[in-house]
């Protein structure tokens, strides 16, 4: 474990910094693709089959995502 100098800890405890948080970075294309792969995989696991184009709206969205992932050879 890192031992922080007391001067640095005092700066972090300053009430002026109470609302300061690190900047959140936007997800990358790879992050979004990985998330979509996880969603499609979860859908397949819960339904026991691949999504079909003729299903309800959610299934159509999963089908479109799966098709795009297959086109990129990720599935």
Protein backbone atom coordinates (compact mmCIF):
# COMPACT_ATOMS: atom_id res chain seq x y z
CA UNK A 1 0.00 0.00 0.00
CA UNK A 2 1.23 3.48 -0.85
CA UNK A 3 1.91 5.88 2.00
CA UNK A 4 0.79 9.34 0.92
CA UNK A 5 2.59 12.40 2.32
CA UNK A 6 0.50 14.28 4.90
CA UNK A 7 0.71 17.48 2.81
CA UNK A 8 -0.94 15.71 -0.12
CA UNK A 9 -3.62 14.19 2.08
CA UNK A 10 -4.37 17.66 3.48
CA UNK A 11 -4.92 18.94 -0.07
CA UNK A 12 -7.37 16.11 -0.79
CA UNK A 13 -9.28 16.92 2.40
CA UNK A 14 -9.71 20.59 1.43
CA UNK A 15 -13.47 21.41 1.29
CA UNK A 16 -12.89 23.43 -1.89
CA UNK A 17 -12.24 20.14 -3.69
CA UNK A 18 -15.40 18.39 -2.49
CA UNK A 19 -17.09 18.43 -5.90
CA UNK A 20 -13.99 17.67 -7.95
CA UNK A 21 -13.98 14.29 -9.67
CA UNK A 22 -11.82 12.82 -12.44
CA UNK A 23 -13.06 13.42 -15.96
CA UNK A 24 -14.97 10.46 -17.31
CA UNK A 25 -13.64 9.33 -20.66
CA UNK A 26 -16.03 8.43 -23.43
CA UNK A 27 -16.17 4.76 -24.34
CA UNK A 28 -14.13 3.80 -27.39
CA UNK A 29 -15.49 1.95 -30.40
CA UNK A 30 -13.90 -1.23 -29.03
CA UNK A 31 -15.62 -0.65 -25.67
CA UNK A 32 -19.00 -0.27 -27.37
CA UNK A 33 -18.40 -3.36 -29.51
CA UNK A 34 -17.43 -5.39 -26.44
CA UNK A 35 -20.54 -4.22 -24.62
CA UNK A 36 -22.74 -5.13 -27.58
CA UNK A 37 -21.08 -8.57 -27.81
CA UNK A 38 -21.83 -9.14 -24.12
CA UNK A 39 -25.47 -8.07 -24.61
CA UNK A 40 -25.99 -10.38 -27.57
CA UNK A 41 -24.29 -13.27 -25.78
CA UNK A 42 -26.49 -12.71 -22.70
CA UNK A 43 -29.58 -12.64 -24.93
CA UNK A 44 -28.58 -15.93 -26.57
CA UNK A 45 -27.85 -17.52 -23.18
CA UNK A 46 -31.21 -16.48 -21.75
CA UNK A 47 -33.26 -17.51 -24.82
CA UNK A 48 -31.31 -20.60 -25.88
CA UNK A 49 -31.08 -19.45 -29.49
CA UNK A 50 -29.78 -16.65 -31.68
CA UNK A 51 -32.03 -13.62 -32.15
CA UNK A 52 -34.12 -13.55 -35.31
CA UNK A 53 -35.04 -10.69 -37.59
CA UNK A 54 -38.74 -11.49 -37.24
CA UNK A 55 -38.89 -11.19 -33.43
CA UNK A 56 -40.05 -8.31 -31.25
CA UNK A 57 -38.22 -4.98 -31.21
CA UNK A 58 -35.60 -6.06 -28.65
CA UNK A 59 -34.92 -9.26 -30.58
CA UNK A 60 -34.60 -7.33 -33.85
CA UNK A 61 -32.08 -5.02 -32.19
CA UNK A 62 -30.10 -8.03 -30.93
CA UNK A 63 -30.28 -9.60 -34.40
CA UNK A 64 -28.93 -6.41 -36.00
CA UNK A 65 -26.11 -6.19 -33.44
CA UNK A 66 -25.28 -9.88 -33.91
CA UNK A 67 -25.23 -9.49 -37.69
CA UNK A 68 -22.86 -6.51 -37.43
CA UNK A 69 -20.59 -8.45 -35.06
CA UNK A 70 -20.59 -11.44 -37.40
CA UNK A 71 -19.69 -9.16 -40.33
CA UNK A 72 -16.62 -8.08 -38.33
CA UNK A 73 -15.84 -11.74 -37.52
CA UNK A 74 -16.34 -11.14 -33.80
CA UNK A 75 -18.94 -13.88 -33.45
